Amino acid sequence: MDKIFVSHAHEDREAAHQVTVALAKAGLNPWLDAQELRSGDELLKTIATVLAEAQYFVIVLSRTALTKSWVLTELRMAVTAEIERAHPRVVVLRLDDCEVPIELRHKVHLDFRGRFDDALKQLADHVSGVGQAVPIPKQTVLAEMIANADAELWARLSAGGGARNGSSLRRPM
């Protein structure tokens, strides 16, 4: 089961806890430092190990979180790992009207401002692989049809045997 690292500021722990509860209820495997770390654990080593195992890095982004060195350190580690190894995939949960850091601006974020329950469901669906179907553009369909057209069709069209001069494009049986 995919591990999901949840990063947050201590002041946002209630929101982070709600996120982990929702993910666990969806049958997922969230990791939250407050629930997992024990006295005597080496913080940086443990965080690096969990990040290396995680498939997702969820950051609970807030004005407060952006002032916390641990949150920023975890974020940098996750973004670097995502670039180098393609995981963990970084997922942004925007908790308030904070400015989104430059390293996250290219990402679509889940907006938790004023719609926390809906956003929790979206997050669980996202990391579960449940998504909304994205329609395929007509240009893509046409490009695939052209790319998959057989050589005989192209030969007939090139020879002027297309439908314009009255001939048929049917394949001989």
Protein backbone atom coordinates (compact mmCIF):
# COMPACT_ATOMS: atom_id res chain seq x y z
CA MET A 1 0.00 0.00 0.00
CA ASP A 2 1.30 3.44 -0.94
CA LYS A 3 2.68 5.46 1.96
CA ILE A 4 1.57 9.09 2.12
CA PHE A 5 3.82 11.52 4.01
CA VAL A 6 1.77 14.38 5.51
CA SER A 7 3.80 17.51 6.23
CA HIS A 8 2.37 20.34 8.33
CA ALA A 9 3.13 23.07 10.84
CA HIS A 10 2.51 22.16 14.47
CA GLU A 11 -0.17 24.87 14.58
CA ASP A 12 -2.03 23.11 11.72
CA ARG A 13 -1.95 19.70 13.44
CA GLU A 14 -5.75 19.45 13.70
CA ALA A 15 -6.13 19.85 9.93
CA ALA A 16 -3.26 17.39 9.35
CA HIS A 17 -4.90 14.91 11.71
CA GLN A 18 -8.20 15.20 9.82
CA VAL A 19 -6.31 14.59 6.57
CA THR A 20 -4.68 11.42 7.92
CA VAL A 21 -7.98 10.14 9.34
CA ALA A 22 -9.72 10.68 5.98
CA LEU A 23 -6.88 8.94 4.11
CA ALA A 24 -6.89 6.00 6.54
CA LYS A 25 -10.70 5.67 6.22
CA ALA A 26 -10.20 5.50 2.45
CA GLY A 27 -7.94 2.48 3.02
CA LEU A 28 -4.71 4.39 2.45
CA ASN A 29 -1.50 4.54 4.50
CA PRO A 30 -0.84 8.09 5.75
CA TRP A 31 2.26 8.93 7.82
CA LEU A 32 2.06 11.85 10.24
CA ASP A 33 5.05 12.66 12.42
CA ALA A 34 2.99 13.29 15.55
CA GLN A 35 1.48 9.80 15.27
CA GLU A 36 4.62 7.94 14.17
CA LEU A 37 7.69 9.51 15.78
CA ARG A 38 8.80 8.29 19.19
CA SER A 39 11.09 9.75 21.80
CA GLY A 40 14.70 9.19 20.80
CA ASP A 41 14.02 8.88 17.05
CA GLU A 42 16.54 10.63 14.81
CA LEU A 43 14.26 13.15 13.11
CA LEU A 44 16.15 13.82 9.89
CA LYS A 45 17.06 10.16 9.36
CA THR A 46 13.48 9.02 10.01
CA ILE A 47 11.99 11.68 7.74
CA ALA A 48 14.47 10.85 4.96
CA THR A 49 13.62 7.14 5.27
CA VAL A 50 9.87 7.72 5.20
CA LEU A 51 10.18 10.12 2.25
CA ALA A 52 12.21 7.51 0.35
CA GLU A 53 9.41 4.96 0.92
CA ALA A 54 6.50 7.34 0.30
CA GLN A 55 4.61 7.47 -2.97
CA TYR A 56 3.00 10.81 -2.04
CA PHE A 57 4.10 13.87 -0.09
CA VAL A 58 1.09 15.89 1.03
CA ILE A 59 1.88 19.37 2.31
CA VAL A 60 -0.74 21.15 4.41
CA LEU A 61 0.15 24.60 3.13
CA SER A 62 -0.62 27.63 5.29
CA ARG A 63 0.92 30.98 6.19
CA THR A 64 2.21 29.36 9.36
CA ALA A 65 3.66 26.33 7.57
CA LEU A 66 5.70 28.61 5.32
CA THR A 67 7.48 30.02 8.38
CA LYS A 68 8.55 26.61 9.73
CA SER A 69 12.03 25.36 8.91
CA TRP A 70 11.04 21.69 9.29
CA VAL A 71 8.14 22.02 6.86
CA LEU A 72 10.36 23.82 4.34
CA THR A 73 13.11 21.20 4.79
CA GLU A 74 10.63 18.35 4.22
CA LEU A 75 9.24 20.18 1.18
CA ARG A 76 12.70 20.64 -0.35
CA MET A 77 13.55 16.98 0.28
CA ALA A 78 10.27 15.85 -1.33
CA VAL A 79 10.57 18.14 -4.38
CA THR A 80 14.16 17.00 -4.94
CA ALA A 81 13.12 13.33 -4.67
CA GLU A 82 10.20 13.92 -7.04
CA ILE A 83 12.57 15.42 -9.63
CA GLU A 84 15.24 12.74 -9.21
CA ARG A 85 13.10 9.61 -8.74
CA ALA A 86 9.53 10.67 -9.69
CA HIS A 87 8.36 9.94 -6.16
CA PRO A 88 7.06 10.93 -3.77
CA ARG A 89 4.56 12.87 -5.86
CA VAL A 90 4.01 16.22 -4.18
CA VAL A 91 0.38 17.14 -3.49
CA VAL A 92 -0.48 20.62 -2.22
CA LEU A 93 -3.38 21.20 0.19
CA ARG A 94 -3.95 24.93 0.46
CA LEU A 95 -5.35 25.59 3.92
CA ASP A 96 -5.46 29.40 3.81
CA ASP A 97 -4.66 32.37 1.58
CA CYS A 98 -0.90 31.92 1.86
CA GLU A 99 1.40 32.58 -1.05
CA VAL A 100 2.30 29.37 -2.84
CA PRO A 101 6.10 28.88 -2.89
CA ILE A 102 7.74 29.03 -6.31
CA GLU A 103 8.66 25.33 -6.23
CA LEU A 104 4.94 24.47 -5.97
CA ARG A 105 3.39 27.02 -8.34
CA HIS A 106 3.40 24.61 -11.30
CA LYS A 107 1.22 22.16 -9.37
CA VAL A 108 -2.54 22.09 -9.24
CA HIS A 109 -3.45 22.29 -5.57
CA LEU A 110 -6.41 21.07 -3.59
CA ASP A 111 -8.17 24.07 -2.11
CA PHE A 112 -9.15 23.43 1.51
CA ARG A 113 -10.24 27.03 2.06
CA GLY A 114 -13.92 26.88 3.07
CA ARG A 115 -14.54 23.41 1.61
CA PHE A 116 -12.51 21.10 3.80
CA ASP A 117 -14.74 18.00 3.54
CA ASP A 118 -14.97 18.16 -0.27
CA ALA A 119 -11.22 18.65 -0.54
CA LEU A 120 -10.57 15.67 1.78
CA LYS A 121 -12.60 13.46 -0.56
CA GLN A 122 -10.74 14.84 -3.58
CA LEU A 123 -7.42 14.08 -1.87
CA ALA A 124 -8.42 10.51 -1.02
CA ASP A 125 -9.65 9.99 -4.58
CA HIS A 126 -6.47 11.50 -6.01
CA VAL A 127 -4.05 9.28 -4.11
CA SER A 128 -6.29 6.25 -4.65
CA GLY A 129 -6.01 6.78 -8.37
CA VAL A 130 -9.66 7.69 -8.75
CA GLY A 131 -9.92 10.68 -10.98
CA GLN A 132 -12.26 12.48 -13.22
CA ALA A 133 -12.07 11.35 -16.81
CA VAL A 134 -10.36 13.97 -18.89
CA PRO A 135 -11.88 14.18 -22.37
CA ILE A 136 -9.49 13.44 -25.19
CA PRO A 137 -9.19 16.40 -27.58
CA LYS A 138 -10.47 15.80 -31.12
CA GLN A 139 -7.05 16.72 -32.49
CA THR A 140 -5.51 13.85 -30.50
CA VAL A 141 -8.07 11.37 -31.85
CA LEU A 142 -7.47 12.53 -35.42
CA ALA A 143 -3.70 12.43 -34.96
CA GLU A 144 -3.94 8.84 -33.69
CA MET A 145 -6.15 7.86 -36.63
CA ILE A 146 -3.66 9.35 -39.07
CA ALA A 147 -0.69 7.74 -37.33
CA ASN A 148 -2.42 4.35 -37.42
CA ALA A 149 -3.59 4.56 -41.05
CA ASP A 150 -2.11 1.75 -43.10
CA ALA A 151 0.35 2.17 -45.98
CA GLU A 152 -2.23 1.16 -48.62
CA LEU A 153 -4.51 4.04 -47.66
CA TRP A 154 -1.64 6.51 -47.84
CA ALA A 155 -0.56 5.11 -51.21
CA ARG A 156 -4.08 5.49 -52.62
CA LEU A 157 -4.40 9.02 -51.27
CA SER A 158 -0.95 9.97 -52.61
CA ALA A 159 -1.81 8.57 -56.05
CA GLY A 160 -4.86 10.78 -56.25
CA GLY A 161 -7.26 7.91 -55.60
CA GLY A 162 -8.95 9.71 -52.77
CA ALA A 163 -12.63 10.43 -52.41
CA ARG A 164 -12.31 13.80 -54.19
CA ASN A 165 -12.11 12.27 -57.66
CA GLY A 166 -14.98 9.94 -57.05
CA SER A 167 -13.02 6.81 -56.21
CA SER A 168 -13.66 4.86 -53.08
CA LEU A 169 -11.26 4.53 -50.17
CA ARG A 170 -12.51 1.01 -49.40
CA ARG A 171 -9.93 -1.64 -48.79
CA PRO A 172 -9.93 -4.60 -51.14
CA MET A 173 -11.03 -7.74 -49.34
